[in-house]
Amino acid sequence: VKGKDAFMQGLRAHRGQFASAVSRVTACTTLKSP
């Protein structure tokens, strides 16, 4: 998908298929490199 509008529309359509979604996070980090 390219573009914010298409991304958000697709995300809403995908999430709209579900009565509920429950996530469990194992790990999350931000990395940078020169």
PDB file of all heavy atoms in Angstrom:
ATOM      1  N   VAL A   1       0.864  -1.177   0.000  1.00  0.00           N
ATOM      2  CA  VAL A   1       0.000   0.000   0.000  1.00  0.00           C
ATOM      3  C   VAL A   1       0.898   1.224   0.000  1.00  0.00           C
ATOM      4  O   VAL A   1       1.928   1.243   0.690  1.00  0.00           O
ATOM      5  CB  VAL A   1      -0.917   0.012   1.246  1.00  0.00           C
ATOM      6  CG1 VAL A   1      -1.710   1.283   1.336  1.00  0.00           C
ATOM      7  CG2 VAL A   1      -1.834  -1.193   1.248  1.00  0.00           C
ATOM      8  N   LYS A   2       0.510   2.252  -0.749  1.00  0.00           N
ATOM      9  CA  LYS A   2       1.262   3.498  -0.771  1.00  0.00           C
ATOM     10  C   LYS A   2       0.316   4.645  -0.426  1.00  0.00           C
ATOM     11  O   LYS A   2      -0.793   4.717  -0.950  1.00  0.00           O
ATOM     12  CB  LYS A   2       1.877   3.734  -2.145  1.00  0.00           C
ATOM     13  CG  LYS A   2       2.939   2.721  -2.495  1.00  0.00           C
ATOM     14  CD  LYS A   2       3.524   2.962  -3.862  1.00  0.00           C
ATOM     15  CE  LYS A   2       4.542   1.885  -4.192  1.00  0.00           C
ATOM     16  NZ  LYS A   2       5.057   2.005  -5.543  1.00  0.00           N
ATOM     17  N   GLY A   3       0.767   5.506   0.474  1.00  0.00           N
ATOM     18  CA  GLY A   3       0.009   6.692   0.855  1.00  0.00           C
ATOM     19  C   GLY A   3      -0.775   6.496   2.137  1.00  0.00           C
ATOM     20  O   GLY A   3      -1.269   5.407   2.428  1.00  0.00           O
ATOM     21  N   LYS A   4      -0.868   7.570   2.893  1.00  0.00           N
ATOM     22  CA  LYS A   4      -1.533   7.540   4.194  1.00  0.00           C
ATOM     23  C   LYS A   4      -3.008   7.160   4.087  1.00  0.00           C
ATOM     24  O   LYS A   4      -3.495   6.341   4.863  1.00  0.00           O
ATOM     25  CB  LYS A   4      -1.389   8.905   4.866  1.00  0.00           C
ATOM     26  CG  LYS A   4      -2.044   9.003   6.220  1.00  0.00           C
ATOM     27  CD  LYS A   4      -1.810  10.374   6.834  1.00  0.00           C
ATOM     28  CE  LYS A   4      -2.454  10.510   8.189  1.00  0.00           C
ATOM     29  NZ  LYS A   4      -2.114  11.806   8.802  1.00  0.00           N
ATOM     30  N   ASP A   5      -3.716   7.748   3.131  1.00  0.00           N
ATOM     31  CA  ASP A   5      -5.149   7.460   3.008  1.00  0.00           C
ATOM     32  C   ASP A   5      -5.398   5.985   2.724  1.00  0.00           C
ATOM     33  O   ASP A   5      -6.255   5.358   3.353  1.00  0.00           O
ATOM     34  CB  ASP A   5      -5.790   8.328   1.918  1.00  0.00           C
ATOM     35  CG  ASP A   5      -5.842   9.803   2.300  1.00  0.00           C
ATOM     36  OD1 ASP A   5      -5.768  10.121   3.513  1.00  0.00           O
ATOM     37  OD2 ASP A   5      -5.944  10.643   1.384  1.00  0.00           O
ATOM     38  N   ALA A   6      -4.646   5.408   1.794  1.00  0.00           N
ATOM     39  CA  ALA A   6      -4.810   3.991   1.463  1.00  0.00           C
ATOM     40  C   ALA A   6      -4.424   3.111   2.646  1.00  0.00           C
ATOM     41  O   ALA A   6      -5.084   2.106   2.927  1.00  0.00           O
ATOM     42  CB  ALA A   6      -3.976   3.634   0.238  1.00  0.00           C
ATOM     43  N   PHE A   7      -3.355   3.483   3.354  1.00  0.00           N
ATOM     44  CA  PHE A   7      -2.909   2.718   4.511  1.00  0.00           C
ATOM     45  C   PHE A   7      -3.983   2.723   5.597  1.00  0.00           C
ATOM     46  O   PHE A   7      -4.357   1.667   6.117  1.00  0.00           O
ATOM     47  CB  PHE A   7      -1.604   3.302   5.050  1.00  0.00           C
ATOM     48  CG  PHE A   7      -1.080   2.615   6.277  1.00  0.00           C
ATOM     49  CD1 PHE A   7      -0.431   1.391   6.186  1.00  0.00           C
ATOM     50  CD2 PHE A   7      -1.228   3.188   7.529  1.00  0.00           C
ATOM     51  CE1 PHE A   7       0.063   0.751   7.318  1.00  0.00           C
ATOM     52  CE2 PHE A   7      -0.738   2.567   8.664  1.00  0.00           C
ATOM     53  CZ  PHE A   7      -0.097   1.343   8.566  1.00  0.00           C
ATOM     54  N   MET A   8      -4.486   3.904   5.936  1.00  0.00           N
ATOM     55  CA  MET A   8      -5.495   4.004   7.002  1.00  0.00           C
ATOM     56  C   MET A   8      -6.800   3.317   6.592  1.00  0.00           C
ATOM     57  O   MET A   8      -7.426   2.634   7.407  1.00  0.00           O
ATOM     58  CB  MET A   8      -5.739   5.473   7.362  1.00  0.00           C
ATOM     59  CG  MET A   8      -4.544   6.167   8.005  1.00  0.00           C
ATOM     60  SD  MET A   8      -3.970   5.407   9.533  1.00  0.00           S
ATOM     61  CE  MET A   8      -5.360   5.689  10.609  1.00  0.00           C
ATOM     62  N   GLN A   9      -7.196   3.451   5.346  1.00  0.00           N
ATOM     63  CA  GLN A   9      -8.407   2.789   4.861  1.00  0.00           C
ATOM     64  C   GLN A   9      -8.260   1.273   4.947  1.00  0.00           C
ATOM     65  O   GLN A   9      -9.177   0.576   5.404  1.00  0.00           O
ATOM     66  CB  GLN A   9      -8.692   3.221   3.417  1.00  0.00           C
ATOM     67  CG  GLN A   9      -9.950   2.622   2.835  1.00  0.00           C
ATOM     68  CD  GLN A   9     -10.171   3.060   1.388  1.00  0.00           C
ATOM     69  OE1 GLN A   9      -9.351   3.752   0.789  1.00  0.00           O
ATOM     70  NE2 GLN A   9     -11.287   2.638   0.830  1.00  0.00           N
ATOM     71  N   GLY A  10      -7.127   0.756   4.524  1.00  0.00           N
ATOM     72  CA  GLY A  10      -6.891  -0.684   4.593  1.00  0.00           C
ATOM     73  C   GLY A  10      -6.836  -1.186   6.029  1.00  0.00           C
ATOM     74  O   GLY A  10      -7.360  -2.259   6.339  1.00  0.00           O
ATOM     75  N   LEU A  11      -6.234  -0.408   6.911  1.00  0.00           N
ATOM     76  CA  LEU A  11      -6.155  -0.779   8.323  1.00  0.00           C
ATOM     77  C   LEU A  11      -7.550  -0.833   8.944  1.00  0.00           C
ATOM     78  O   LEU A  11      -7.890  -1.774   9.661  1.00  0.00           O
ATOM     79  CB  LEU A  11      -5.270   0.229   9.066  1.00  0.00           C
ATOM     80  CG  LEU A  11      -4.823  -0.121  10.465  1.00  0.00           C
ATOM     81  CD1 LEU A  11      -4.055  -1.434  10.497  1.00  0.00           C
ATOM     82  CD2 LEU A  11      -3.963   1.010  11.027  1.00  0.00           C
ATOM     83  N   ARG A  12      -8.373   0.178   8.639  1.00  0.00           N
ATOM     84  CA  ARG A  12      -9.752   0.188   9.160  1.00  0.00           C
ATOM     85  C   ARG A  12     -10.560  -0.998   8.631  1.00  0.00           C
ATOM     86  O   ARG A  12     -11.306  -1.631   9.374  1.00  0.00           O
ATOM     87  CB  ARG A  12     -10.447   1.493   8.786  1.00  0.00           C
ATOM     88  CG  ARG A  12     -10.016   2.677   9.598  1.00  0.00           C
ATOM     89  CD  ARG A  12     -10.859   3.921   9.255  1.00  0.00           C
ATOM     90  NE  ARG A  12     -10.191   5.100   9.720  1.00  0.00           N
ATOM     91  CZ  ARG A  12      -9.445   5.912   8.964  1.00  0.00           C
ATOM     92  NH1 ARG A  12      -9.291   5.663   7.665  1.00  0.00           N
ATOM     93  NH2 ARG A  12      -8.865   6.962   9.487  1.00  0.00           N
ATOM     94  N   ALA A  13     -10.402  -1.294   7.341  1.00  0.00           N
ATOM     95  CA  ALA A  13     -11.138  -2.411   6.746  1.00  0.00           C
ATOM     96  C   ALA A  13     -10.710  -3.735   7.372  1.00  0.00           C
ATOM     97  O   ALA A  13     -11.557  -4.587   7.679  1.00  0.00           O
ATOM     98  CB  ALA A  13     -10.922  -2.437   5.235  1.00  0.00           C
ATOM     99  N   HIS A  14      -9.411  -3.908   7.575  1.00  0.00           N
ATOM    100  CA  HIS A  14      -8.919  -5.155   8.168  1.00  0.00           C
ATOM    101  C   HIS A  14      -9.425  -5.305   9.597  1.00  0.00           C
ATOM    102  O   HIS A  14      -9.959  -6.352   9.970  1.00  0.00           O
ATOM    103  CB  HIS A  14      -7.390  -5.185   8.127  1.00  0.00           C
ATOM    104  CG  HIS A  14      -6.811  -6.440   8.684  1.00  0.00           C
ATOM    105  ND1 HIS A  14      -6.884  -7.650   8.019  1.00  0.00           N
ATOM    106  CD2 HIS A  14      -6.175  -6.693   9.854  1.00  0.00           C
ATOM    107  CE1 HIS A  14      -6.311  -8.582   8.757  1.00  0.00           C
ATOM    108  NE2 HIS A  14      -5.866  -8.026   9.884  1.00  0.00           N
ATOM    109  N   ARG A  15      -9.277  -4.270  10.405  1.00  0.00           N
ATOM    110  CA  ARG A  15      -9.713  -4.335  11.809  1.00  0.00           C
ATOM    111  C   ARG A  15     -11.226  -4.490  11.902  1.00  0.00           C
ATOM    112  O   ARG A  15     -11.744  -5.130  12.812  1.00  0.00           O
ATOM    113  CB  ARG A  15      -9.238  -3.077  12.564  1.00  0.00           C
ATOM    114  CG  ARG A  15      -9.691  -2.980  14.019  1.00  0.00           C
ATOM    115  CD  ARG A  15      -9.200  -4.171  14.827  1.00  0.00           C
ATOM    116  NE  ARG A  15      -9.608  -4.089  16.222  1.00  0.00           N
ATOM    117  CZ  ARG A  15     -10.768  -4.543  16.704  1.00  0.00           C
ATOM    118  NH1 ARG A  15     -11.650  -5.121  15.884  1.00  0.00           N
ATOM    119  NH2 ARG A  15     -11.050  -4.433  17.986  1.00  0.00           N
ATOM    120  N   GLY A  16     -11.950  -3.932  10.935  1.00  0.00           N
ATOM    121  CA  GLY A  16     -13.413  -4.008  10.925  1.00  0.00           C
ATOM    122  C   GLY A  16     -13.959  -5.419  10.759  1.00  0.00           C
ATOM    123  O   GLY A  16     -15.134  -5.667  11.031  1.00  0.00           O
ATOM    124  N   GLN A  17     -13.128  -6.361  10.349  1.00  0.00           N
ATOM    125  CA  GLN A  17     -13.555  -7.753  10.205  1.00  0.00           C
ATOM    126  C   GLN A  17     -13.748  -8.455  11.545  1.00  0.00           C
ATOM    127  O   GLN A  17     -14.383  -9.496  11.609  1.00  0.00           O
ATOM    128  CB  GLN A  17     -12.501  -8.554   9.436  1.00  0.00           C
ATOM    129  CG  GLN A  17     -12.203  -8.083   8.052  1.00  0.00           C
ATOM    130  CD  GLN A  17     -11.056  -8.892   7.470  1.00  0.00           C
ATOM    131  OE1 GLN A  17     -11.191 -10.091   7.245  1.00  0.00           O
ATOM    132  NE2 GLN A  17      -9.930  -8.237   7.244  1.00  0.00           N
ATOM    133  N   PHE A  18     -13.178  -7.880  12.609  1.00  0.00           N
ATOM    134  CA  PHE A  18     -13.122  -8.578  13.889  1.00  0.00           C
ATOM    135  C   PHE A  18     -14.031  -7.952  14.938  1.00  0.00           C
ATOM    136  O   PHE A  18     -14.166  -6.734  15.011  1.00  0.00           O
ATOM    137  CB  PHE A  18     -11.685  -8.579  14.422  1.00  0.00           C
ATOM    138  CG  PHE A  18     -10.678  -9.053  13.419  1.00  0.00           C
ATOM    139  CD1 PHE A  18      -9.646  -8.231  13.002  1.00  0.00           C
ATOM    140  CD2 PHE A  18     -10.765 -10.327  12.869  1.00  0.00           C
ATOM    141  CE1 PHE A  18      -8.721  -8.661  12.065  1.00  0.00           C
ATOM    142  CE2 PHE A  18      -9.852 -10.767  11.934  1.00  0.00           C
ATOM    143  CZ  PHE A  18      -8.821  -9.931  11.527  1.00  0.00           C
ATOM    144  N   ALA A  19     -14.611  -8.815  15.741  1.00  0.00           N
ATOM    145  CA  ALA A  19     -15.373  -8.345  16.901  1.00  0.00           C
ATOM    146  C   ALA A  19     -14.419  -7.849  17.971  1.00  0.00           C
ATOM    147  O   ALA A  19     -14.720  -6.900  18.700  1.00  0.00           O
ATOM    148  CB  ALA A  19     -16.246  -9.473  17.449  1.00  0.00           C
ATOM    149  N   SER A  20     -13.239  -8.483  18.063  1.00  0.00           N
ATOM    150  CA  SER A  20     -12.228  -8.027  19.020  1.00  0.00           C
ATOM    151  C   SER A  20     -10.841  -8.443  18.552  1.00  0.00           C
ATOM    152  O   SER A  20     -10.688  -9.387  17.771  1.00  0.00           O
ATOM    153  CB  SER A  20     -12.492  -8.590  20.415  1.00  0.00           C
ATOM    154  OG  SER A  20     -12.221  -9.968  20.461  1.00  0.00           O
ATOM    155  N   ALA A  21      -9.871  -7.710  19.045  1.00  0.00           N
ATOM    156  CA  ALA A  21      -8.458  -8.033  18.813  1.00  0.00           C
ATOM    157  C   ALA A  21      -7.736  -7.821  20.138  1.00  0.00           C
ATOM    158  O   ALA A  21      -7.952  -6.814  20.811  1.00  0.00           O
ATOM    159  CB  ALA A  21      -7.863  -7.132  17.738  1.00  0.00           C
ATOM    160  N   VAL A  22      -6.925  -8.793  20.502  1.00  0.00           N
ATOM    161  CA  VAL A  22      -6.166  -8.715  21.746  1.00  0.00           C
ATOM    162  C   VAL A  22      -4.707  -9.029  21.422  1.00  0.00           C
ATOM    163  O   VAL A  22      -4.408 -10.075  20.846  1.00  0.00           O
ATOM    164  CB  VAL A  22      -6.705  -9.706  22.810  1.00  0.00           C
ATOM    165  CG1 VAL A  22      -5.858  -9.650  24.072  1.00  0.00           C
ATOM    166  CG2 VAL A  22      -8.167  -9.428  23.113  1.00  0.00           C
ATOM    167  N   SER A  23      -3.834  -8.107  21.795  1.00  0.00           N
ATOM    168  CA  SER A  23      -2.410  -8.283  21.517  1.00  0.00           C
ATOM    169  C   SER A  23      -1.636  -8.532  22.794  1.00  0.00           C
ATOM    170  O   SER A  23      -2.038  -8.102  23.875  1.00  0.00           O
ATOM    171  CB  SER A  23      -1.848  -7.033  20.834  1.00  0.00           C
ATOM    172  OG  SER A  23      -2.480  -6.831  19.593  1.00  0.00           O
ATOM    173  N   ARG A  24      -0.522  -9.233  22.621  1.00  0.00           N
ATOM    174  CA  ARG A  24       0.442  -9.434  23.701  1.00  0.00           C
ATOM    175  C   ARG A  24       1.803  -9.094  23.123  1.00  0.00           C
ATOM    176  O   ARG A  24       2.219  -9.643  22.105  1.00  0.00           O
ATOM    177  CB  ARG A  24       0.424 -10.884  24.181  1.00  0.00           C
ATOM    178  CG  ARG A  24       1.339 -11.138  25.390  1.00  0.00           C
ATOM    179  CD  ARG A  24       1.277 -12.590  25.851  1.00  0.00           C
ATOM    180  NE  ARG A  24       1.858 -13.530  24.914  1.00  0.00           N
ATOM    181  CZ  ARG A  24       3.173 -13.764  24.774  1.00  0.00           C
ATOM    182  NH1 ARG A  24       4.031 -13.115  25.507  1.00  0.00           N
ATOM    183  NH2 ARG A  24       3.597 -14.662  23.913  1.00  0.00           N
ATOM    184  N   VAL A  25       2.484  -8.134  23.747  1.00  0.00           N
ATOM    185  CA  VAL A  25       3.784  -7.681  23.252  1.00  0.00           C
ATOM    186  C   VAL A  25       4.892  -8.486  23.913  1.00  0.00           C
ATOM    187  O   VAL A  25       4.946  -8.597  25.136  1.00  0.00           O
ATOM    188  CB  VAL A  25       3.974  -6.167  23.522  1.00  0.00           C
ATOM    189  CG1 VAL A  25       5.367  -5.722  23.114  1.00  0.00           C
ATOM    190  CG2 VAL A  25       2.902  -5.366  22.799  1.00  0.00           C
ATOM    191  N   THR A  26       5.775  -9.033  23.097  1.00  0.00           N
ATOM    192  CA  THR A  26       6.938  -9.762  23.594  1.00  0.00           C
ATOM    193  C   THR A  26       8.114  -8.816  23.765  1.00  0.00           C
ATOM    194  O   THR A  26       8.791  -8.832  24.788  1.00  0.00           O
ATOM    195  CB  THR A  26       7.314 -10.889  22.615  1.00  0.00           C
ATOM    196  OG1 THR A  26       6.173 -11.722  22.418  1.00  0.00           O
ATOM    197  CG2 THR A  26       8.477 -11.707  23.143  1.00  0.00           C
ATOM    198  N   ALA A  27       8.362  -7.966  22.766  1.00  0.00           N
ATOM    199  CA  ALA A  27       9.467  -7.010  22.830  1.00  0.00           C
ATOM    200  C   ALA A  27       9.190  -5.870  21.865  1.00  0.00           C
ATOM    201  O   ALA A  27       8.524  -6.056  20.842  1.00  0.00           O
ATOM    202  CB  ALA A  27      10.783  -7.685  22.475  1.00  0.00           C
ATOM    203  N   CYS A  28       9.716  -4.697  22.211  1.00  0.00           N
ATOM    204  CA  CYS A  28       9.579  -3.525  21.352  1.00  0.00           C
ATOM    205  C   CYS A  28      10.785  -2.623  21.604  1.00  0.00           C
ATOM    206  O   CYS A  28      11.111  -2.344  22.767  1.00  0.00           O
ATOM    207  CB  CYS A  28       8.278  -2.786  21.651  1.00  0.00           C
ATOM    208  SG  CYS A  28       7.918  -1.433  20.511  1.00  0.00           S
ATOM    209  N   THR A  29      11.441  -2.179  20.537  1.00  0.00           N
ATOM    210  CA  THR A  29      12.606  -1.316  20.688  1.00  0.00           C
ATOM    211  C   THR A  29      12.767  -0.455  19.444  1.00  0.00           C
ATOM    212  O   THR A  29      12.249  -0.786  18.383  1.00  0.00           O
ATOM    213  CB  THR A  29      13.891  -2.141  20.929  1.00  0.00           C
ATOM    214  OG1 THR A  29      14.929  -1.260  21.333  1.00  0.00           O
ATOM    215  CG2 THR A  29      14.298  -2.933  19.712  1.00  0.00           C
ATOM    216  N   THR A  30      13.489   0.631  19.588  1.00  0.00           N
ATOM    217  CA  THR A  30      13.832   1.485  18.453  1.00  0.00           C
ATOM    218  C   THR A  30      15.340   1.503  18.311  1.00  0.00           C
ATOM    219  O   THR A  30      16.067   1.656  19.297  1.00  0.00           O
ATOM    220  CB  THR A  30      13.291   2.909  18.651  1.00  0.00           C
ATOM    221  OG1 THR A  30      11.865   2.850  18.764  1.00  0.00           O
ATOM    222  CG2 THR A  30      13.648   3.812  17.478  1.00  0.00           C
ATOM    223  N   LEU A  31      15.800   1.334  17.081  1.00  0.00           N
ATOM    224  CA  LEU A  31      17.232   1.320  16.781  1.00  0.00           C
ATOM    225  C   LEU A  31      17.544   2.365  15.727  1.00  0.00           C
ATOM    226  O   LEU A  31      16.706   2.680  14.878  1.00  0.00           O
ATOM    227  CB  LEU A  31      17.654  -0.055  16.261  1.00  0.00           C
ATOM    228  CG  LEU A  31      17.433  -1.233  17.203  1.00  0.00           C
ATOM    229  CD1 LEU A  31      17.721  -2.539  16.486  1.00  0.00           C
ATOM    230  CD2 LEU A  31      18.290  -1.092  18.452  1.00  0.00           C
ATOM    231  N   LYS A  32      18.773   2.875  15.793  1.00  0.00           N
ATOM    232  CA  LYS A  32      19.237   3.803  14.767  1.00  0.00           C
ATOM    233  C   LYS A  32      20.655   3.418  14.381  1.00  0.00           C
ATOM    234  O   LYS A  32      21.322   2.666  15.089  1.00  0.00           O
ATOM    235  CB  LYS A  32      19.186   5.245  15.267  1.00  0.00           C
ATOM    236  CG  LYS A  32      20.105   5.541  16.430  1.00  0.00           C
ATOM    237  CD  LYS A  32      19.961   6.975  16.884  1.00  0.00           C
ATOM    238  CE  LYS A  32      20.868   7.237  18.085  1.00  0.00           C
ATOM    239  NZ  LYS A  32      20.766   8.608  18.545  1.00  0.00           N
ATOM    240  N   SER A  33      21.083   3.940  13.219  1.00  0.00           N
ATOM    241  CA  SER A  33      22.415   3.644  12.725  1.00  0.00           C
ATOM    242  C   SER A  33      22.937   4.863  11.977  1.00  0.00           C
ATOM    243  O   SER A  33      22.183   5.486  11.214  1.00  0.00           O
ATOM    244  CB  SER A  33      22.379   2.445  11.776  1.00  0.00           C
ATOM    245  OG  SER A  33      23.627   2.293  11.127  1.00  0.00           O
ATOM    246  N   PRO A  34      24.223   5.196  12.135  1.00  0.00           N
ATOM    247  CA  PRO A  34      24.778   6.291  11.339  1.00  0.00           C
ATOM    248  C   PRO A  34      24.796   5.960   9.845  1.00  0.00           C
ATOM    249  O   PRO A  34      24.917   6.856   9.013  1.00  0.00           O
ATOM    250  CB  PRO A  34      26.197   6.459  11.897  1.00  0.00           C
ATOM    251  CG  PRO A  34      26.508   5.197  12.603  1.00  0.00           C
ATOM    252  CD  PRO A  34      25.204   4.612  13.045  1.00  0.00           C
TER     253      PRO A  34
END
